[in-house]
PDB file of N, CA and C in Angstrom:
ATOM      1  N   MET A   1      57.703 -43.044  70.491  1.00  0.00           N
ATOM      2  CA  MET A   1      58.969 -42.360  70.586  1.00  0.00           C
ATOM      3  C   MET A   1      59.123 -41.497  69.335  1.00  0.00           C
ATOM      4  N   ALA A   2      59.408 -40.252  69.550  1.00  0.00           N
ATOM      5  CA  ALA A   2      59.626 -39.326  68.439  1.00  0.00           C
ATOM      6  C   ALA A   2      61.103 -39.326  68.070  1.00  0.00           C
ATOM      7  N   ILE A   3      61.361 -39.378  66.784  1.00  0.00           N
ATOM      8  CA  ILE A   3      62.730 -39.323  66.262  1.00  0.00           C
ATOM      9  C   ILE A   3      62.907 -37.992  65.548  1.00  0.00           C
ATOM     10  N   VAL A   4      63.999 -37.322  65.848  1.00  0.00           N
ATOM     11  CA  VAL A   4      64.318 -36.031  65.236  1.00  0.00           C
ATOM     12  C   VAL A   4      65.502 -36.243  64.311  1.00  0.00           C
ATOM     13  N   ARG A   5      65.374 -35.781  63.070  1.00  0.00           N
ATOM     14  CA  ARG A   5      66.487 -35.861  62.130  1.00  0.00           C
ATOM     15  C   ARG A   5      67.059 -34.472  61.953  1.00  0.00           C
ATOM     16  N   ASP A   6      68.303 -34.321  62.342  1.00  0.00           N
ATOM     17  CA  ASP A   6      69.009 -33.051  62.222  1.00  0.00           C
ATOM     18  C   ASP A   6      69.954 -33.149  61.032  1.00  0.00           C
ATOM     19  N   THR A   7      70.074 -32.099  60.263  1.00  0.00           N
ATOM     20  CA  THR A   7      70.943 -32.076  59.104  1.00  0.00           C
ATOM     21  C   THR A   7      72.190 -31.271  59.414  1.00  0.00           C
ATOM     22  N   VAL A   8      73.336 -31.867  59.135  1.00  0.00           N
ATOM     23  CA  VAL A   8      74.617 -31.202  59.350  1.00  0.00           C
ATOM     24  C   VAL A   8      75.308 -31.076  58.008  1.00  0.00           C
ATOM     25  N   LEU A   9      75.744 -29.862  57.658  1.00  0.00           N
ATOM     26  CA  LEU A   9      76.466 -29.639  56.408  1.00  0.00           C
ATOM     27  C   LEU A   9      77.943 -29.407  56.705  1.00  0.00           C
ATOM     28  N   ASN A  10      78.789 -30.173  56.038  1.00  0.00           N
ATOM     29  CA  ASN A  10      80.227 -30.014  56.152  1.00  0.00           C
ATOM     30  C   ASN A  10      80.760 -29.834  54.738  1.00  0.00           C
ATOM     31  N   ARG A  11      80.912 -28.585  54.331  1.00  0.00           N
ATOM     32  CA  ARG A  11      81.253 -28.207  52.948  1.00  0.00           C
ATOM     33  C   ARG A  11      80.176 -28.725  52.003  1.00  0.00           C
ATOM     34  N   THR A  12      80.469 -29.743  51.203  1.00  0.00           N
ATOM     35  CA  THR A  12      79.462 -30.239  50.246  1.00  0.00           C
ATOM     36  C   THR A  12      78.835 -31.548  50.696  1.00  0.00           C
ATOM     37  N   ILE A  13      79.154 -31.983  51.895  1.00  0.00           N
ATOM     38  CA  ILE A  13      78.640 -33.269  52.380  1.00  0.00           C
ATOM     39  C   ILE A  13      77.505 -33.019  53.370  1.00  0.00           C
ATOM     40  N   THR A  14      76.379 -33.683  53.123  1.00  0.00           N
ATOM     41  CA  THR A  14      75.227 -33.606  54.023  1.00  0.00           C
ATOM     42  C   THR A  14      75.208 -34.849  54.886  1.00  0.00           C
ATOM     43  N   GLN A  15      75.058 -34.643  56.175  1.00  0.00           N
ATOM     44  CA  GLN A  15      74.992 -35.760  57.117  1.00  0.00           C
ATOM     45  C   GLN A  15      73.718 -35.615  57.928  1.00  0.00           C
ATOM     46  N   TYR A  16      73.005 -36.727  58.092  1.00  0.00           N
ATOM     47  CA  TYR A  16      71.793 -36.729  58.893  1.00  0.00           C
ATOM     48  C   TYR A  16      72.094 -37.378  60.237  1.00  0.00           C
ATOM     49  N   ASN A  17      71.811 -36.683  61.299  1.00  0.00           N
ATOM     50  CA  ASN A  17      71.952 -37.206  62.654  1.00  0.00           C
ATOM     51  C   ASN A  17      70.560 -37.425  63.217  1.00  0.00           C
ATOM     52  N   HIS A  18      70.324 -38.599  63.751  1.00  0.00           N
ATOM     53  CA  HIS A  18      69.023 -38.942  64.319  1.00  0.00           C
ATOM     54  C   HIS A  18      69.122 -38.994  65.840  1.00  0.00           C
ATOM     55  N   PHE A  19      68.151 -38.365  66.490  1.00  0.00           N
ATOM     56  CA  PHE A  19      68.089 -38.312  67.949  1.00  0.00           C
ATOM     57  C   PHE A  19      66.674 -38.642  68.395  1.00  0.00           C
ATOM     58  N   THR A  20      66.542 -39.154  69.614  1.00  0.00           N
ATOM     59  CA  THR A  20      65.208 -39.213  70.190  1.00  0.00           C
ATOM     60  C   THR A  20      64.837 -37.777  70.557  1.00  0.00           C
ATOM     61  N   ALA A  21      63.569 -37.500  70.664  1.00  0.00           N
ATOM     62  CA  ALA A  21      63.132 -36.131  70.973  1.00  0.00           C
ATOM     63  C   ALA A  21      63.678 -35.675  72.322  1.00  0.00           C
ATOM     64  N   THR A  22      63.732 -36.581  73.283  1.00  0.00           N
ATOM     65  CA  THR A  22      64.233 -36.184  74.605  1.00  0.00           C
ATOM     66  C   THR A  22      65.725 -35.857  74.562  1.00  0.00           C
ATOM     67  N   ASN A  23      66.500 -36.630  73.809  1.00  0.00           N
ATOM     68  CA  ASN A  23      67.931 -36.334  73.701  1.00  0.00           C
ATOM     69  C   ASN A  23      68.178 -35.055  72.907  1.00  0.00           C
ATOM     70  N   PHE A  24      67.350 -34.805  71.878  1.00  0.00           N
ATOM     71  CA  PHE A  24      67.505 -33.568  71.123  1.00  0.00           C
ATOM     72  C   PHE A  24      67.141 -32.369  72.004  1.00  0.00           C
ATOM     73  N   ALA A  25      66.146 -32.543  72.863  1.00  0.00           N
ATOM     74  CA  ALA A  25      65.770 -31.468  73.786  1.00  0.00           C
ATOM     75  C   ALA A  25      66.929 -31.122  74.712  1.00  0.00           C
ATOM     76  N   LYS A  26      67.701 -32.138  75.120  1.00  0.00           N
ATOM     77  CA  LYS A  26      68.882 -31.877  75.950  1.00  0.00           C
ATOM     78  C   LYS A  26      69.923 -31.058  75.180  1.00  0.00           C
ATOM     79  N   LEU A  27      70.082 -31.331  73.878  1.00  0.00           N
ATOM     80  CA  LEU A  27      71.000 -30.533  73.052  1.00  0.00           C
ATOM     81  C   LEU A  27      70.529 -29.086  72.965  1.00  0.00           C
ATOM     82  N   VAL A  28      69.220 -28.896  72.827  1.00  0.00           N
ATOM     83  CA  VAL A  28      68.662 -27.537  72.751  1.00  0.00           C
ATOM     84  C   VAL A  28      68.893 -26.814  74.074  1.00  0.00           C
ATOM     85  N   GLU A  29      68.640 -27.497  75.186  1.00  0.00           N
ATOM     86  CA  GLU A  29      68.848 -26.885  76.503  1.00  0.00           C
ATOM     87  C   GLU A  29      70.311 -26.510  76.724  1.00  0.00           C
ATOM     88  N   ALA A  30      71.237 -27.307  76.161  1.00  0.00           N
ATOM     89  CA  ALA A  30      72.669 -27.028  76.303  1.00  0.00           C
ATOM     90  C   ALA A  30      73.143 -25.975  75.315  1.00  0.00           C
ATOM     91  N   GLY A  31      72.250 -25.515  74.428  1.00  0.00           N
ATOM     92  CA  GLY A  31      72.608 -24.494  73.451  1.00  0.00           C
ATOM     93  C   GLY A  31      73.353 -25.030  72.241  1.00  0.00           C
ATOM     94  N   GLU A  32      73.356 -26.349  72.042  1.00  0.00           N
ATOM     95  CA  GLU A  32      74.075 -26.954  70.924  1.00  0.00           C
ATOM     96  C   GLU A  32      73.226 -27.100  69.666  1.00  0.00           C
ATOM     97  N   SER A  33      71.928 -26.869  69.787  1.00  0.00           N
ATOM     98  CA  SER A  33      71.040 -26.924  68.631  1.00  0.00           C
ATOM     99  C   SER A  33      69.801 -26.095  68.935  1.00  0.00           C
ATOM    100  N   ALA A  34      68.887 -26.039  67.970  1.00  0.00           N
ATOM    101  CA  ALA A  34      67.648 -25.269  68.146  1.00  0.00           C
ATOM    102  C   ALA A  34      66.498 -26.032  67.501  1.00  0.00           C
ATOM    103  N   TRP A  35      65.315 -25.906  68.079  1.00  0.00           N
ATOM    104  CA  TRP A  35      64.144 -26.577  67.511  1.00  0.00           C
ATOM    105  C   TRP A  35      63.849 -26.082  66.105  1.00  0.00           C
ATOM    106  N   GLU A  36      64.171 -24.846  65.815  1.00  0.00           N
ATOM    107  CA  GLU A  36      63.924 -24.305  64.469  1.00  0.00           C
ATOM    108  C   GLU A  36      64.729 -25.045  63.407  1.00  0.00           C
ATOM    109  N   ALA A  37      65.835 -25.651  63.808  1.00  0.00           N
ATOM    110  CA  ALA A  37      66.680 -26.372  62.857  1.00  0.00           C
ATOM    111  C   ALA A  37      66.019 -27.640  62.332  1.00  0.00           C
ATOM    112  N   VAL A  38      65.079 -28.183  63.069  1.00  0.00           N
ATOM    113  CA  VAL A  38      64.430 -29.424  62.651  1.00  0.00           C
ATOM    114  C   VAL A  38      62.931 -29.237  62.430  1.00  0.00           C
ATOM    115  N   GLU A  39      62.506 -28.017  62.287  1.00  0.00           N
ATOM    116  CA  GLU A  39      61.086 -27.716  62.108  1.00  0.00           C
ATOM    117  C   GLU A  39      60.580 -28.283  60.782  1.00  0.00           C
ATOM    118  N   PHE A  40      59.402 -28.888  60.807  1.00  0.00           N
ATOM    119  CA  PHE A  40      58.800 -29.443  59.594  1.00  0.00           C
ATOM    120  C   PHE A  40      58.158 -28.327  58.787  1.00  0.00           C
ATOM    121  N   THR A  41      58.575 -28.200  57.540  1.00  0.00           N
ATOM    122  CA  THR A  41      58.003 -27.212  56.641  1.00  0.00           C
ATOM    123  C   THR A  41      57.474 -27.943  55.408  1.00  0.00           C
ATOM    124  N   PRO A  42      56.158 -27.935  55.184  1.00  0.00           N
ATOM    125  CA  PRO A  42      55.629 -28.626  54.009  1.00  0.00           C
ATOM    126  C   PRO A  42      56.089 -27.956  52.722  1.00  0.00           C
ATOM    127  N   LYS A  43      56.251 -28.767  51.679  1.00  0.00           N
ATOM    128  CA  LYS A  43      56.691 -28.232  50.386  1.00  0.00           C
ATOM    129  C   LYS A  43      55.641 -27.310  49.791  1.00  0.00           C
ATOM    130  N   ASN A  44      54.389 -27.676  49.941  1.00  0.00           N
ATOM    131  CA  ASN A  44      53.298 -26.856  49.425  1.00  0.00           C
ATOM    132  C   ASN A  44      52.294 -26.658  50.563  1.00  0.00           C
ATOM    133  N   PRO A  45      52.416 -25.566  51.321  1.00  0.00           N
ATOM    134  CA  PRO A  45      51.552 -25.364  52.497  1.00  0.00           C
ATOM    135  C   PRO A  45      50.057 -25.347  52.190  1.00  0.00           C
ATOM    136  N   LYS A  46      49.676 -24.987  50.966  1.00  0.00           N
ATOM    137  CA  LYS A  46      48.250 -24.948  50.635  1.00  0.00           C
ATOM    138  C   LYS A  46      47.678 -26.353  50.484  1.00  0.00           C
ATOM    139  N   VAL A  47      48.492 -27.302  50.025  1.00  0.00           N
ATOM    140  CA  VAL A  47      48.018 -28.660  49.766  1.00  0.00           C
ATOM    141  C   VAL A  47      48.379 -29.605  50.910  1.00  0.00           C
ATOM    142  N   ASP A  48      49.613 -29.524  51.386  1.00  0.00           N
ATOM    143  CA  ASP A  48      50.078 -30.428  52.436  1.00  0.00           C
ATOM    144  C   ASP A  48      49.529 -29.988  53.780  1.00  0.00           C
ATOM    145  N   LYS A  49      48.608 -30.754  54.315  1.00  0.00           N
ATOM    146  CA  LYS A  49      47.961 -30.417  55.584  1.00  0.00           C
ATOM    147  C   LYS A  49      48.484 -31.284  56.730  1.00  0.00           C
ATOM    148  N   ILE A  50      49.712 -31.777  56.609  1.00  0.00           N
ATOM    149  CA  ILE A  50      50.291 -32.618  57.650  1.00  0.00           C
ATOM    150  C   ILE A  50      50.624 -31.756  58.860  1.00  0.00           C
ATOM    151  N   ARG A  51      50.161 -32.201  60.014  1.00  0.00           N
ATOM    152  CA  ARG A  51      50.458 -31.484  61.249  1.00  0.00           C
ATOM    153  C   ARG A  51      51.198 -32.443  62.171  1.00  0.00           C
ATOM    154  N   ALA A  52      52.419 -32.124  62.452  1.00  0.00           N
ATOM    155  CA  ALA A  52      53.200 -32.965  63.368  1.00  0.00           C
ATOM    156  C   ALA A  52      52.699 -32.747  64.790  1.00  0.00           C
ATOM    157  N   PRO A  53      52.607 -33.821  65.561  1.00  0.00           N
ATOM    158  CA  PRO A  53      52.174 -33.651  66.952  1.00  0.00           C
ATOM    159  C   PRO A  53      53.247 -32.943  67.759  1.00  0.00           C
ATOM    160  N   PRO A  54      52.899 -32.381  68.911  1.00  0.00           N
ATOM    161  CA  PRO A  54      53.910 -31.734  69.756  1.00  0.00           C
ATOM    162  C   PRO A  54      54.995 -32.729  70.158  1.00  0.00           C
ATOM    163  N   VAL A  55      56.180 -32.227  70.386  1.00  0.00           N
ATOM    164  CA  VAL A  55      57.315 -33.087  70.718  1.00  0.00           C
ATOM    165  C   VAL A  55      57.064 -33.883  71.985  1.00  0.00           C
ATOM    166  N   ASP A  56      56.385 -33.297  72.946  1.00  0.00           N
ATOM    167  CA  ASP A  56      56.151 -33.980  74.214  1.00  0.00           C
ATOM    168  C   ASP A  56      54.829 -34.747  74.247  1.00  0.00           C
ATOM    169  N   ALA A  57      54.222 -34.979  73.079  1.00  0.00           N
ATOM    170  CA  ALA A  57      52.950 -35.704  73.031  1.00  0.00           C
ATOM    171  C   ALA A  57      53.160 -37.152  73.457  1.00  0.00           C
ATOM    172  N   GLN A  58      52.247 -37.673  74.253  1.00  0.00           N
ATOM    173  CA  GLN A  58      52.299 -39.052  74.726  1.00  0.00           C
ATOM    174  C   GLN A  58      51.174 -39.831  74.052  1.00  0.00           C
ATOM    175  N   PRO A  59      51.478 -40.954  73.395  1.00  0.00           N
ATOM    176  CA  PRO A  59      50.424 -41.729  72.746  1.00  0.00           C
ATOM    177  C   PRO A  59      49.545 -42.424  73.776  1.00  0.00           C
ATOM    178  N   GLU A  60      48.307 -42.665  73.418  1.00  0.00           N
ATOM    179  CA  GLU A  60      47.389 -43.394  74.277  1.00  0.00           C
ATOM    180  C   GLU A  60      47.511 -44.873  73.919  1.00  0.00           C
ATOM    181  N   LEU A  61      48.016 -45.681  74.863  1.00  0.00           N
ATOM    182  CA  LEU A  61      48.289 -47.089  74.606  1.00  0.00           C
ATOM    183  C   LEU A  61      47.396 -47.990  75.451  1.00  0.00           C
ATOM    184  N   ASP A  62      47.136 -49.195  74.919  1.00  0.00           N
ATOM    185  CA  ASP A  62      46.368 -50.167  75.697  1.00  0.00           C
ATOM    186  C   ASP A  62      47.309 -50.965  76.601  1.00  0.00           C
ATOM    187  N   GLU A  63      46.787 -52.003  77.245  1.00  0.00           N
ATOM    188  CA  GLU A  63      47.598 -52.775  78.190  1.00  0.00           C
ATOM    189  C   GLU A  63      48.736 -53.550  77.519  1.00  0.00           C
ATOM    190  N   TYR A  64      48.676 -53.688  76.184  1.00  0.00           N
ATOM    191  CA  TYR A  64      49.733 -54.386  75.455  1.00  0.00           C
ATOM    192  C   TYR A  64      50.756 -53.421  74.848  1.00  0.00           C
ATOM    193  N   GLY A  65      50.553 -52.125  75.055  1.00  0.00           N
ATOM    194  CA  GLY A  65      51.466 -51.136  74.494  1.00  0.00           C
ATOM    195  C   GLY A  65      51.152 -50.758  73.056  1.00  0.00           C
ATOM    196  N   LEU A  66      49.973 -51.130  72.578  1.00  0.00           N
ATOM    197  CA  LEU A  66      49.550 -50.796  71.218  1.00  0.00           C
ATOM    198  C   LEU A  66      48.664 -49.555  71.244  1.00  0.00           C
ATOM    199  N   PRO A  67      48.638 -48.795  70.149  1.00  0.00           N
ATOM    200  CA  PRO A  67      47.803 -47.592  70.128  1.00  0.00           C
ATOM    201  C   PRO A  67      46.323 -47.916  70.312  1.00  0.00           C
ATOM    202  N   VAL A  68      45.653 -47.105  71.117  1.00  0.00           N
ATOM    203  CA  VAL A  68      44.219 -47.294  71.344  1.00  0.00           C
ATOM    204  C   VAL A  68      43.432 -46.831  70.125  1.00  0.00           C
ATOM    205  N   ALA A  69      43.799 -45.700  69.583  1.00  0.00           N
ATOM    206  CA  ALA A  69      43.118 -45.173  68.397  1.00  0.00           C
ATOM    207  C   ALA A  69      43.712 -45.840  67.158  1.00  0.00           C
ATOM    208  N   VAL A  70      43.032 -46.864  66.669  1.00  0.00           N
ATOM    209  CA  VAL A  70      43.515 -47.600  65.501  1.00  0.00           C
ATOM    210  C   VAL A  70      42.832 -47.033  64.263  1.00  0.00           C
ATOM    211  N   PRO A  71      43.605 -46.710  63.223  1.00  0.00           N
ATOM    212  CA  PRO A  71      42.980 -46.193  61.997  1.00  0.00           C
ATOM    213  C   PRO A  71      42.127 -47.278  61.336  1.00  0.00           C
ATOM    214  N   ALA A  72      40.832 -47.047  61.238  1.00  0.00           N
ATOM    215  CA  ALA A  72      39.916 -48.072  60.742  1.00  0.00           C
ATOM    216  C   ALA A  72      39.871 -48.160  59.229  1.00  0.00           C
ATOM    217  N   LYS A  73      40.198 -47.088  58.518  1.00  0.00           N
ATOM    218  CA  LYS A  73      40.028 -47.126  57.063  1.00  0.00           C
ATOM    219  C   LYS A  73      41.016 -48.060  56.379  1.00  0.00           C
ATOM    220  N   GLU A  74      42.181 -48.335  56.990  1.00  0.00           N
ATOM    221  CA  GLU A  74      43.154 -49.225  56.380  1.00  0.00           C
ATOM    222  C   GLU A  74      42.976 -50.678  56.795  1.00  0.00           C
ATOM    223  N   LEU A  75      42.045 -50.962  57.700  1.00  0.00           N
ATOM    224  CA  LEU A  75      41.907 -52.303  58.235  1.00  0.00           C
ATOM    225  C   LEU A  75      40.838 -53.102  57.501  1.00  0.00           C
ATOM    226  N   VAL A  76      41.120 -54.375  57.281  1.00  0.00           N
ATOM    227  CA  VAL A  76      40.135 -55.284  56.711  1.00  0.00           C
ATOM    228  C   VAL A  76      39.225 -55.736  57.842  1.00  0.00           C
ATOM    229  N   LYS A  77      37.943 -55.596  57.675  1.00  0.00           N
ATOM    230  CA  LYS A  77      36.940 -55.999  58.677  1.00  0.00           C
ATOM    231  C   LYS A  77      37.260 -55.437  60.057  1.00  0.00           C
ATOM    232  N   ASN A  78      37.679 -54.191  60.113  1.00  0.00           N
ATOM    233  CA  ASN A  78      38.031 -53.501  61.361  1.00  0.00           C
ATOM    234  C   ASN A  78      39.099 -54.233  62.170  1.00  0.00           C
ATOM    235  N   GLY A  79      39.981 -54.966  61.493  1.00  0.00           N
ATOM    236  CA  GLY A  79      41.095 -55.627  62.164  1.00  0.00           C
ATOM    237  C   GLY A  79      40.771 -56.972  62.760  1.00  0.00           C
ATOM    238  N   ASP A  80      39.538 -57.455  62.602  1.00  0.00           N
ATOM    239  CA  ASP A  80      39.144 -58.737  63.179  1.00  0.00           C
ATOM    240  C   ASP A  80      39.217 -59.820  62.105  1.00  0.00           C
ATOM    241  N   VAL A  81      40.438 -60.078  61.630  1.00  0.00           N
ATOM    242  CA  VAL A  81      40.640 -61.061  60.564  1.00  0.00           C
ATOM    243  C   VAL A  81      41.867 -61.911  60.860  1.00  0.00           C
ATOM    244  N   SER A  82      41.947 -63.011  60.166  1.00  0.00           N
ATOM    245  CA  SER A  82      43.123 -63.869  60.294  1.00  0.00           C
ATOM    246  C   SER A  82      44.179 -63.420  59.285  1.00  0.00           C
ATOM    247  N   LEU A  83      45.386 -63.951  59.439  1.00  0.00           N
ATOM    248  CA  LEU A  83      46.452 -63.639  58.495  1.00  0.00           C
ATOM    249  C   LEU A  83      46.070 -64.098  57.101  1.00  0.00           C
ATOM    250  N   LEU A  84      45.424 -65.253  56.990  1.00  0.00           N
ATOM    251  CA  LEU A  84      45.001 -65.754  55.688  1.00  0.00           C
ATOM    252  C   LEU A  84      44.027 -64.792  55.015  1.00  0.00           C
ATOM    253  N   GLU A  85      43.061 -64.257  55.776  1.00  0.00           N
ATOM    254  CA  GLU A  85      42.106 -63.308  55.198  1.00  0.00           C
ATOM    255  C   GLU A  85      42.808 -62.038  54.713  1.00  0.00           C
ATOM    256  N   CYS A  86      43.840 -61.612  55.425  1.00  0.00           N
ATOM    257  CA  CYS A  86      44.606 -60.437  54.983  1.00  0.00           C
ATOM    258  C   CYS A  86      45.326 -60.727  53.679  1.00  0.00           C
ATOM    259  N   ILE A  87      45.918 -61.903  53.584  1.00  0.00           N
ATOM    260  CA  ILE A  87      46.632 -62.276  52.365  1.00  0.00           C
ATOM    261  C   ILE A  87      45.664 -62.368  51.192  1.00  0.00           C
ATOM    262  N   VAL A  88      44.505 -62.971  51.419  1.00  0.00           N
ATOM    263  CA  VAL A  88      43.505 -63.094  50.357  1.00  0.00           C
ATOM    264  C   VAL A  88      43.014 -61.717  49.917  1.00  0.00           C
ATOM    265  N   ALA A  89      42.861 -60.777  50.853  1.00  0.00           N
ATOM    266  CA  ALA A  89      42.396 -59.425  50.514  1.00  0.00           C
ATOM    267  C   ALA A  89      43.385 -58.711  49.605  1.00  0.00           C
ATOM    268  N   VAL A  90      44.670 -58.953  49.811  1.00  0.00           N
ATOM    269  CA  VAL A  90      45.699 -58.310  48.994  1.00  0.00           C
ATOM    270  C   VAL A  90      45.855 -59.016  47.651  1.00  0.00           C
ATOM    271  N   ASP A  91      45.565 -60.312  47.613  1.00  0.00           N
ATOM    272  CA  ASP A  91      45.666 -61.138  46.413  1.00  0.00           C
ATOM    273  C   ASP A  91      47.063 -61.067  45.794  1.00  0.00           C
ATOM    274  N   PRO A  92      48.057 -61.547  46.531  1.00  0.00           N
ATOM    275  CA  PRO A  92      49.414 -61.511  45.992  1.00  0.00           C
ATOM    276  C   PRO A  92      49.649 -62.672  45.016  1.00  0.00           C
ATOM    277  N   SER A  93      49.179 -62.527  43.785  1.00  0.00           N
ATOM    278  CA  SER A  93      49.251 -63.629  42.822  1.00  0.00           C
ATOM    279  C   SER A  93      50.686 -64.017  42.493  1.00  0.00           C
ATOM    280  N   SER A  94      51.625 -63.094  42.662  1.00  0.00           N
ATOM    281  CA  SER A  94      53.011 -63.405  42.328  1.00  0.00           C
ATOM    282  C   SER A  94      53.777 -63.984  43.513  1.00  0.00           C
ATOM    283  N   TYR A  95      53.120 -64.182  44.660  1.00  0.00           N
ATOM    284  CA  TYR A  95      53.808 -64.688  45.841  1.00  0.00           C
ATOM    285  C   TYR A  95      53.683 -66.202  45.906  1.00  0.00           C
ATOM    286  N   ASN A  96      54.815 -66.856  45.947  1.00  0.00           N
ATOM    287  CA  ASN A  96      54.839 -68.311  46.084  1.00  0.00           C
ATOM    288  C   ASN A  96      55.428 -68.652  47.436  1.00  0.00           C
ATOM    289  N   THR A  97      54.733 -69.494  48.184  1.00  0.00           N
ATOM    290  CA  THR A  97      55.248 -69.889  49.488  1.00  0.00           C
ATOM    291  C   THR A  97      56.426 -70.840  49.313  1.00  0.00           C
ATOM    292  N   THR A  98      57.315 -70.787  50.278  1.00  0.00           N
ATOM    293  CA  THR A  98      58.477 -71.682  50.265  1.00  0.00           C
ATOM    294  C   THR A  98      58.534 -72.415  51.593  1.00  0.00           C
ATOM    295  N   ASN A  99      59.442 -73.370  51.714  1.00  0.00           N
ATOM    296  CA  ASN A  99      59.542 -74.119  52.959  1.00  0.00           C
ATOM    297  C   ASN A  99      60.238 -73.321  54.053  1.00  0.00           C
ATOM    298  N   THR A 100      60.733 -72.113  53.746  1.00  0.00           N
ATOM    299  CA  THR A 100      61.349 -71.276  54.774  1.00  0.00           C
ATOM    300  C   THR A 100      60.387 -70.235  55.326  1.00  0.00           C
ATOM    301  N   ASP A 101      59.155 -70.185  54.836  1.00  0.00           N
ATOM    302  CA  ASP A 101      58.152 -69.243  55.344  1.00  0.00           C
ATOM    303  C   ASP A 101      57.693 -69.678  56.735  1.00  0.00           C
ATOM    304  N   ALA A 102      57.423 -68.704  57.573  1.00  0.00           N
ATOM    305  CA  ALA A 102      56.915 -69.006  58.907  1.00  0.00           C
ATOM    306  C   ALA A 102      55.479 -69.496  58.806  1.00  0.00           C
ATOM    307  N   ALA A 103      55.113 -70.398  59.703  1.00  0.00           N
ATOM    308  CA  ALA A 103      53.756 -70.909  59.749  1.00  0.00           C
ATOM    309  C   ALA A 103      53.233 -70.758  61.176  1.00  0.00           C
ATOM    310  N   ALA A 104      51.958 -70.407  61.298  1.00  0.00           N
ATOM    311  CA  ALA A 104      51.346 -70.286  62.620  1.00  0.00           C
ATOM    312  C   ALA A 104      50.954 -71.669  63.099  1.00  0.00           C
ATOM    313  N   ILE A 105      51.282 -71.961  64.354  1.00  0.00           N
ATOM    314  CA  ILE A 105      50.890 -73.243  64.929  1.00  0.00           C
ATOM    315  C   ILE A 105      50.153 -72.989  66.240  1.00  0.00           C
ATOM    316  N   ARG A 106      49.213 -73.870  66.544  1.00  0.00           N
ATOM    317  CA  ARG A 106      48.475 -73.748  67.798  1.00  0.00           C
ATOM    318  C   ARG A 106      49.244 -74.481  68.894  1.00  0.00           C
ATOM    319  N   LEU A 107      49.525 -73.771  69.971  1.00  0.00           N
ATOM    320  CA  LEU A 107      50.270 -74.339  71.081  1.00  0.00           C
ATOM    321  C   LEU A 107      49.340 -75.088  72.030  1.00  0.00           C
ATOM    322  N   LYS A 108      49.900 -75.863  72.943  1.00  0.00           N
ATOM    323  CA  LYS A 108      49.106 -76.679  73.871  1.00  0.00           C
ATOM    324  C   LYS A 108      48.185 -75.845  74.752  1.00  0.00           C
ATOM    325  N   ASP A 109      48.619 -74.596  75.056  1.00  0.00           N
ATOM    326  CA  ASP A 109      47.797 -73.748  75.925  1.00  0.00           C
ATOM    327  C   ASP A 109      46.696 -73.003  75.166  1.00  0.00           C
ATOM    328  N   GLY A 110      46.549 -73.272  73.851  1.00  0.00           N
ATOM    329  CA  GLY A 110      45.498 -72.648  73.061  1.00  0.00           C
ATOM    330  C   GLY A 110      45.911 -71.390  72.352  1.00  0.00           C
ATOM    331  N   THR A 111      47.088 -70.880  72.637  1.00  0.00           N
ATOM    332  CA  THR A 111      47.576 -69.690  71.941  1.00  0.00           C
ATOM    333  C   THR A 111      48.301 -70.115  70.663  1.00  0.00           C
ATOM    334  N   TYR A 112      48.690 -69.140  69.884  1.00  0.00           N
ATOM    335  CA  TYR A 112      49.384 -69.417  68.633  1.00  0.00           C
ATOM    336  C   TYR A 112      50.808 -68.899  68.694  1.00  0.00           C
ATOM    337  N   GLY A 113      51.677 -69.579  67.993  1.00  0.00           N
ATOM    338  CA  GLY A 113      53.072 -69.168  67.901  1.00  0.00           C
ATOM    339  C   GLY A 113      53.562 -69.364  66.476  1.00  0.00           C
ATOM    340  N   GLY A 114      54.748 -68.887  66.207  1.00  0.00           N
ATOM    341  CA  GLY A 114      55.306 -69.014  64.871  1.00  0.00           C
ATOM    342  C   GLY A 114      56.278 -70.167  64.799  1.00  0.00           C
ATOM    343  N   LEU A 115      56.322 -70.824  63.662  1.00  0.00           N
ATOM    344  CA  LEU A 115      57.246 -71.924  63.444  1.00  0.00           C
ATOM    345  C   LEU A 115      57.915 -71.714  62.106  1.00  0.00           C
ATOM    346  N   LEU A 116      59.228 -71.693  62.126  1.00  0.00           N
ATOM    347  CA  LEU A 116      59.972 -71.618  60.879  1.00  0.00           C
ATOM    348  C   LEU A 116      60.296 -73.031  60.447  1.00  0.00           C
ATOM    349  N   GLN A 117      59.872 -73.351  59.235  1.00  0.00           N
ATOM    350  CA  GLN A 117      60.137 -74.695  58.705  1.00  0.00           C
ATOM    351  C   GLN A 117      61.434 -74.625  57.911  1.00  0.00           C
ATOM    352  N   VAL A 118      62.499 -75.127  58.494  1.00  0.00           N
ATOM    353  CA  VAL A 118      63.807 -75.031  57.840  1.00  0.00           C
ATOM    354  C   VAL A 118      64.246 -76.396  57.362  1.00  0.00           C
TER     355      VAL A 118
END
């Protein structure tokens, strides 16, 4: 889902209005706004090479609704790791677990669920 942030100026007060792309398109069709008003302009066009996808772009999702194209460079072992391995990779030496932290438990059907120890 694409979110559009429109800026409204009322004297010296700036207000940000957020719309879904489809709802903002309805405003444009009704003549109440324009796509140019929310156009992305990089601060330094020579350095910033960010390209926003088209407003009507549809993501490619798997059967679970997750993106098919997963960025591999940010993933530990291409995403085939446990939560513990992720924590160890980050090495959060200042993180102390408490009794209110969620814990993964194995359910009777073999799947895993979360348990809050309160």
